[in-house]
Amino acid sequence: MLKLLLPVAEWKTAESPQFSYLLGFCFASLYFLLFCLKKMNTETTTLVSLTEAMKRVDQKLQALEAQFKELDITKDNLTQKFENHSKTLTSQAAQDELWTAVLALKFTSMELNILYSYVIEVLICLHTRVLEKLPDLARGLPTFTSVLRRKAKNQHIRVAWEAVLEESGLREGDMAALCAFFIAHGSEAEHYAATARRTYIGDATFMITSMVKNQALREGLLRAVQVIDKGKADRMPEARTSSLKELLPSVRSEPV
């Protein structure tokens, strides 16, 4: 085969061992070079494919990370909604208990009048003290209810209201209980002056402690008695009760 590739004059030269060795070496080198090039090409292709695969994996990881972040945000939002809903349910339960207790009071007409007298005097007292702190706004706050409604949007009224409560030894939970009592029984009760109260019953505190089972209502009435009889209520540990803001939507009774 090799002879067919060479001129006739060079056949003998091609038959020499040295030439055959050299030619074989060249073919072997060429084959090896082609093999290496093919392998390098294969490795290059493999490297490119691996790089592209890594890029795809990285993109998928980034997509998963974004999805996890969205899930975390969704989880936080759901947790917040659940907590708010739980607080709302707790508040509603407290309101229901308070109103049930107010409507279920088993006092006689005289006893109810005595309690009403303390409650109405406390509300009038607080209204008067707020007006003393805000003389410029007095005309816009003609009733106790107007103070409650406007304090939510007016910082000056809110600050004065909170200061009056602090000075009186009262808290928002007490006012919620007293307002609930006033709404439920204000239309049927009569006001007794202090002398008449002392004549009819010697110790209103004992009557309240014995007859009122709901803690929020009991503490509110007891503090009302203390404010009127002593000028200030004794501070007690804070307890979770319905706020005035929660009760105000239900206020439909006559102005105080």
Protein backbone atom coordinates (compact mmCIF):
# COMPACT_ATOMS: atom_id res chain seq x y z
CA MET A 1 0.00 0.00 0.00
CA LEU A 2 2.83 2.33 0.89
CA LYS A 3 4.49 1.67 -2.49
CA LEU A 4 1.39 2.80 -4.35
CA LEU A 5 1.72 6.22 -2.72
CA LEU A 6 5.36 6.72 -3.89
CA PRO A 7 7.04 6.97 -7.30
CA VAL A 8 8.68 3.75 -8.57
CA ALA A 9 12.14 5.26 -8.13
CA GLU A 10 11.54 5.69 -4.44
CA TRP A 11 10.17 2.19 -3.71
CA LYS A 12 13.51 0.96 -2.50
CA THR A 13 13.94 3.97 -0.27
CA ALA A 14 10.53 3.36 1.17
CA GLU A 15 11.46 -0.24 1.88
CA SER A 16 14.35 0.77 4.18
CA PRO A 17 13.74 0.10 7.90
CA GLN A 18 14.63 3.64 8.94
CA PHE A 19 12.11 5.15 6.62
CA SER A 20 9.41 2.74 7.68
CA TYR A 21 10.13 3.52 11.33
CA LEU A 22 10.04 7.24 10.69
CA LEU A 23 6.85 6.99 8.70
CA GLY A 24 5.24 4.83 11.37
CA PHE A 25 6.26 7.30 14.02
CA CYS A 26 4.70 10.12 12.02
CA PHE A 27 1.44 8.20 11.61
CA ALA A 28 1.45 7.33 15.31
CA SER A 29 2.10 10.94 16.26
CA LEU A 30 -0.64 12.12 13.94
CA TYR A 31 -3.04 9.56 15.39
CA PHE A 32 -2.09 10.55 18.92
CA LEU A 33 -2.52 14.22 18.06
CA LEU A 34 -5.95 13.55 16.58
CA PHE A 35 -6.85 11.52 19.67
CA CYS A 36 -5.74 14.32 21.96
CA LEU A 37 -7.64 16.92 19.94
CA LYS A 38 -10.75 14.77 20.04
CA LYS A 39 -10.36 14.23 23.78
CA MET A 40 -9.77 17.93 24.39
CA ASN A 41 -12.80 18.75 22.31
CA THR A 42 -14.83 16.23 24.29
CA GLU A 43 -13.53 17.61 27.60
CA THR A 44 -14.23 21.15 26.46
CA THR A 45 -17.75 20.18 25.49
CA THR A 46 -18.19 18.42 28.82
CA LEU A 47 -16.86 21.48 30.69
CA VAL A 48 -19.21 23.78 28.82
CA SER A 49 -22.13 21.47 29.52
CA LEU A 50 -21.15 21.29 33.19
CA THR A 51 -20.93 25.07 33.40
CA GLU A 52 -24.35 25.44 31.81
CA ALA A 53 -25.76 22.82 34.16
CA MET A 54 -24.31 24.68 37.15
CA LYS A 55 -25.87 27.89 35.90
CA ARG A 56 -29.25 26.18 35.61
CA VAL A 57 -28.88 24.75 39.12
CA ASP A 58 -27.92 28.20 40.44
CA GLN A 59 -30.96 29.73 38.76
CA LYS A 60 -33.20 27.08 40.28
CA LEU A 61 -31.66 27.71 43.71
CA GLN A 62 -32.28 31.44 43.33
CA ALA A 63 -35.88 30.74 42.31
CA LEU A 64 -36.32 28.46 45.32
CA GLU A 65 -34.80 31.10 47.60
CA ALA A 66 -37.25 33.69 46.25
CA GLN A 67 -40.13 31.27 46.81
CA PHE A 68 -38.98 30.60 50.37
CA LYS A 69 -38.81 34.34 51.02
CA GLU A 70 -42.37 34.71 49.72
CA LEU A 71 -43.45 31.82 51.91
CA ASP A 72 -41.79 33.45 54.93
CA ILE A 73 -43.60 36.71 54.21
CA THR A 74 -46.88 34.85 53.78
CA LYS A 75 -46.24 32.95 57.01
CA ASP A 76 -45.52 36.19 58.90
CA ASN A 77 -48.66 37.82 57.50
CA LEU A 78 -50.79 34.82 58.44
CA THR A 79 -49.24 34.74 61.91
CA GLN A 80 -49.98 38.44 62.39
CA LYS A 81 -53.56 37.99 61.18
CA PHE A 82 -54.00 35.03 63.49
CA GLU A 83 -52.66 37.00 66.47
CA ASN A 84 -54.92 39.95 65.65
CA HIS A 85 -57.89 37.62 65.24
CA SER A 86 -57.04 35.94 68.53
CA LYS A 87 -56.87 39.33 70.27
CA THR A 88 -60.19 40.30 68.70
CA LEU A 89 -61.82 37.10 69.88
CA THR A 90 -60.37 37.59 73.37
CA SER A 91 -61.62 41.16 73.44
CA GLN A 92 -65.07 40.12 72.23
CA ALA A 93 -65.20 37.39 74.86
CA ALA A 94 -64.28 39.90 77.57
CA GLN A 95 -66.96 42.30 76.30
CA ASP A 96 -69.55 39.54 76.27
CA GLU A 97 -68.67 38.56 79.83
CA LEU A 98 -68.81 42.18 80.99
CA TRP A 99 -72.17 42.91 79.37
CA THR A 100 -73.60 39.63 80.60
CA ALA A 101 -72.51 40.50 84.12
CA VAL A 102 -73.95 44.03 83.89
CA LEU A 103 -77.31 42.78 82.65
CA ALA A 104 -77.44 39.95 85.18
CA LEU A 105 -77.03 42.13 88.30
CA LYS A 106 -79.52 41.14 91.00
CA PHE A 107 -79.66 44.38 92.96
CA THR A 108 -82.81 45.90 94.35
CA SER A 109 -83.95 49.21 92.91
CA MET A 110 -82.45 51.06 95.87
CA GLU A 111 -79.10 49.27 95.56
CA LEU A 112 -79.06 49.87 91.81
CA ASN A 113 -79.78 53.57 92.39
CA ILE A 114 -76.88 53.79 94.84
CA LEU A 115 -74.46 52.22 92.37
CA TYR A 116 -75.78 54.39 89.56
CA SER A 117 -75.23 57.46 91.74
CA TYR A 118 -71.57 56.61 92.21
CA VAL A 119 -71.12 55.87 88.52
CA ILE A 120 -72.78 59.05 87.26
CA GLU A 121 -70.84 61.19 89.75
CA VAL A 122 -67.56 59.66 88.57
CA LEU A 123 -68.41 60.35 84.93
CA ILE A 124 -69.36 63.95 85.74
CA CYS A 125 -66.20 64.36 87.83
CA LEU A 126 -63.96 63.12 85.03
CA HIS A 127 -65.71 65.32 82.47
CA THR A 128 -65.26 68.36 84.71
CA ARG A 129 -61.57 67.66 85.29
CA VAL A 130 -60.93 67.27 81.56
CA LEU A 131 -62.60 70.62 80.89
CA GLU A 132 -60.45 72.23 83.58
CA LYS A 133 -57.35 71.05 81.72
CA LEU A 134 -58.72 72.16 78.33
CA PRO A 135 -60.61 75.44 78.88
CA ASP A 136 -60.16 76.45 75.24
CA LEU A 137 -61.94 73.28 74.08
CA ALA A 138 -64.73 73.37 76.67
CA ARG A 139 -67.43 74.46 74.21
CA GLY A 140 -66.59 71.54 71.92
CA LEU A 141 -66.83 69.03 74.76
CA PRO A 142 -70.32 69.54 76.19
CA THR A 143 -70.75 65.97 77.44
CA PHE A 144 -68.69 63.11 78.81
CA THR A 145 -69.46 61.12 75.67
CA SER A 146 -68.02 63.89 73.50
CA VAL A 147 -64.74 63.55 75.39
CA LEU A 148 -64.65 59.82 74.76
CA ARG A 149 -65.37 60.22 71.07
CA ARG A 150 -62.98 63.07 70.35
CA LYS A 151 -60.00 61.84 72.35
CA ALA A 152 -59.30 59.20 69.70
CA LYS A 153 -58.48 61.88 67.10
CA ASN A 154 -57.37 64.81 69.24
CA GLN A 155 -54.04 64.41 71.00
CA HIS A 156 -54.66 67.25 73.47
CA ILE A 157 -57.93 65.69 74.60
CA ARG A 158 -56.34 62.26 74.81
CA VAL A 159 -53.44 63.53 76.93
CA ALA A 160 -55.82 65.38 79.25
CA TRP A 161 -58.04 62.31 79.54
CA GLU A 162 -55.13 60.03 80.41
CA ALA A 163 -53.86 62.54 82.97
CA VAL A 164 -57.28 62.75 84.63
CA LEU A 165 -57.52 58.96 84.81
CA GLU A 166 -54.05 58.78 86.34
CA GLU A 167 -54.87 61.45 88.92
CA SER A 168 -58.11 59.66 89.83
CA GLY A 169 -56.49 56.25 90.15
CA LEU A 170 -58.63 54.87 87.32
CA ARG A 171 -57.77 53.02 84.12
CA GLU A 172 -59.42 52.38 80.77
CA GLY A 173 -60.80 49.02 81.88
CA ASP A 174 -62.60 50.66 84.79
CA MET A 175 -64.17 53.20 82.47
CA ALA A 176 -65.31 50.43 80.13
CA ALA A 177 -67.11 48.75 83.03
CA LEU A 178 -68.64 51.99 84.31
CA CYS A 179 -69.83 53.00 80.84
CA ALA A 180 -71.37 49.56 80.32
CA PHE A 181 -73.20 49.91 83.64
CA PHE A 182 -74.42 53.39 82.73
CA ILE A 183 -75.65 52.28 79.30
CA ALA A 184 -77.49 49.28 80.73
CA HIS A 185 -79.12 50.93 83.77
CA GLY A 186 -78.92 54.69 83.25
CA SER A 187 -82.42 55.01 81.86
CA GLU A 188 -84.12 53.30 84.82
CA ALA A 189 -82.02 54.36 87.80
CA GLU A 190 -82.24 57.47 89.98
CA HIS A 191 -79.50 59.54 91.49
CA TYR A 192 -79.13 59.53 95.27
CA ALA A 193 -77.14 62.22 97.03
CA ALA A 194 -74.34 61.22 99.40
CA THR A 195 -76.50 61.73 102.51
CA ALA A 196 -79.23 59.50 101.09
CA ARG A 197 -76.70 56.84 100.16
CA ARG A 198 -75.35 56.74 103.69
CA THR A 199 -78.88 56.52 105.03
CA TYR A 200 -79.92 53.59 102.85
CA ILE A 201 -76.71 51.58 103.01
CA GLY A 202 -73.67 51.98 105.18
CA ASP A 203 -71.01 50.22 103.10
CA ALA A 204 -71.32 50.17 99.31
CA THR A 205 -67.99 48.37 99.06
CA PHE A 206 -69.30 45.34 100.93
CA MET A 207 -72.40 45.26 98.74
CA ILE A 208 -70.33 45.33 95.54
CA THR A 209 -67.86 42.72 96.74
CA SER A 210 -70.65 40.39 97.80
CA MET A 211 -72.94 40.76 94.79
CA VAL A 212 -70.75 41.41 91.73
CA LYS A 213 -68.90 38.33 90.49
CA ASN A 214 -67.35 39.69 87.29
CA GLN A 215 -63.88 40.97 88.15
CA ALA A 216 -63.79 43.85 85.66
CA LEU A 217 -67.20 45.15 86.72
CA ARG A 218 -66.49 44.63 90.42
CA GLU A 219 -63.18 46.51 90.29
CA GLY A 220 -64.70 49.33 88.23
CA LEU A 221 -67.54 49.85 90.70
CA LEU A 222 -65.23 49.63 93.71
CA ARG A 223 -62.94 52.28 92.24
CA ALA A 224 -65.93 54.49 91.47
CA VAL A 225 -66.89 54.37 95.15
CA GLN A 226 -63.31 55.18 96.17
CA VAL A 227 -63.07 58.15 93.80
CA ILE A 228 -66.27 59.70 95.16
CA ASP A 229 -65.76 58.87 98.85
CA LYS A 230 -61.96 59.34 99.03
CA GLY A 231 -61.16 61.53 96.04
CA LYS A 232 -59.00 58.87 94.38
CA ALA A 233 -59.14 55.15 93.74
CA ASP A 234 -56.54 52.73 95.02
CA ARG A 235 -54.37 51.38 92.21
CA MET A 236 -54.62 47.63 91.60
CA PRO A 237 -52.59 45.35 89.30
CA GLU A 238 -53.50 45.74 85.63
CA ALA A 239 -55.89 43.16 84.22
CA ARG A 240 -57.00 42.54 80.65
CA THR A 241 -60.37 44.23 80.15
CA SER A 242 -62.26 45.70 77.24
CA SER A 243 -61.21 49.23 76.42
CA LEU A 244 -63.51 52.21 75.99
CA LYS A 245 -62.64 52.26 72.29
CA GLU A 246 -64.07 48.77 71.98
CA LEU A 247 -67.24 49.70 73.85
CA LEU A 248 -67.96 53.07 72.24
CA PRO A 249 -69.66 51.69 69.09
CA SER A 250 -72.37 50.35 71.39
CA VAL A 251 -72.96 53.67 73.17
CA ARG A 252 -76.51 54.79 72.42
CA SER A 253 -77.64 56.09 75.81
CA GLU A 254 -78.36 59.69 76.73
CA PRO A 255 -75.42 62.15 77.02
CA VAL A 256 -73.81 62.62 80.39
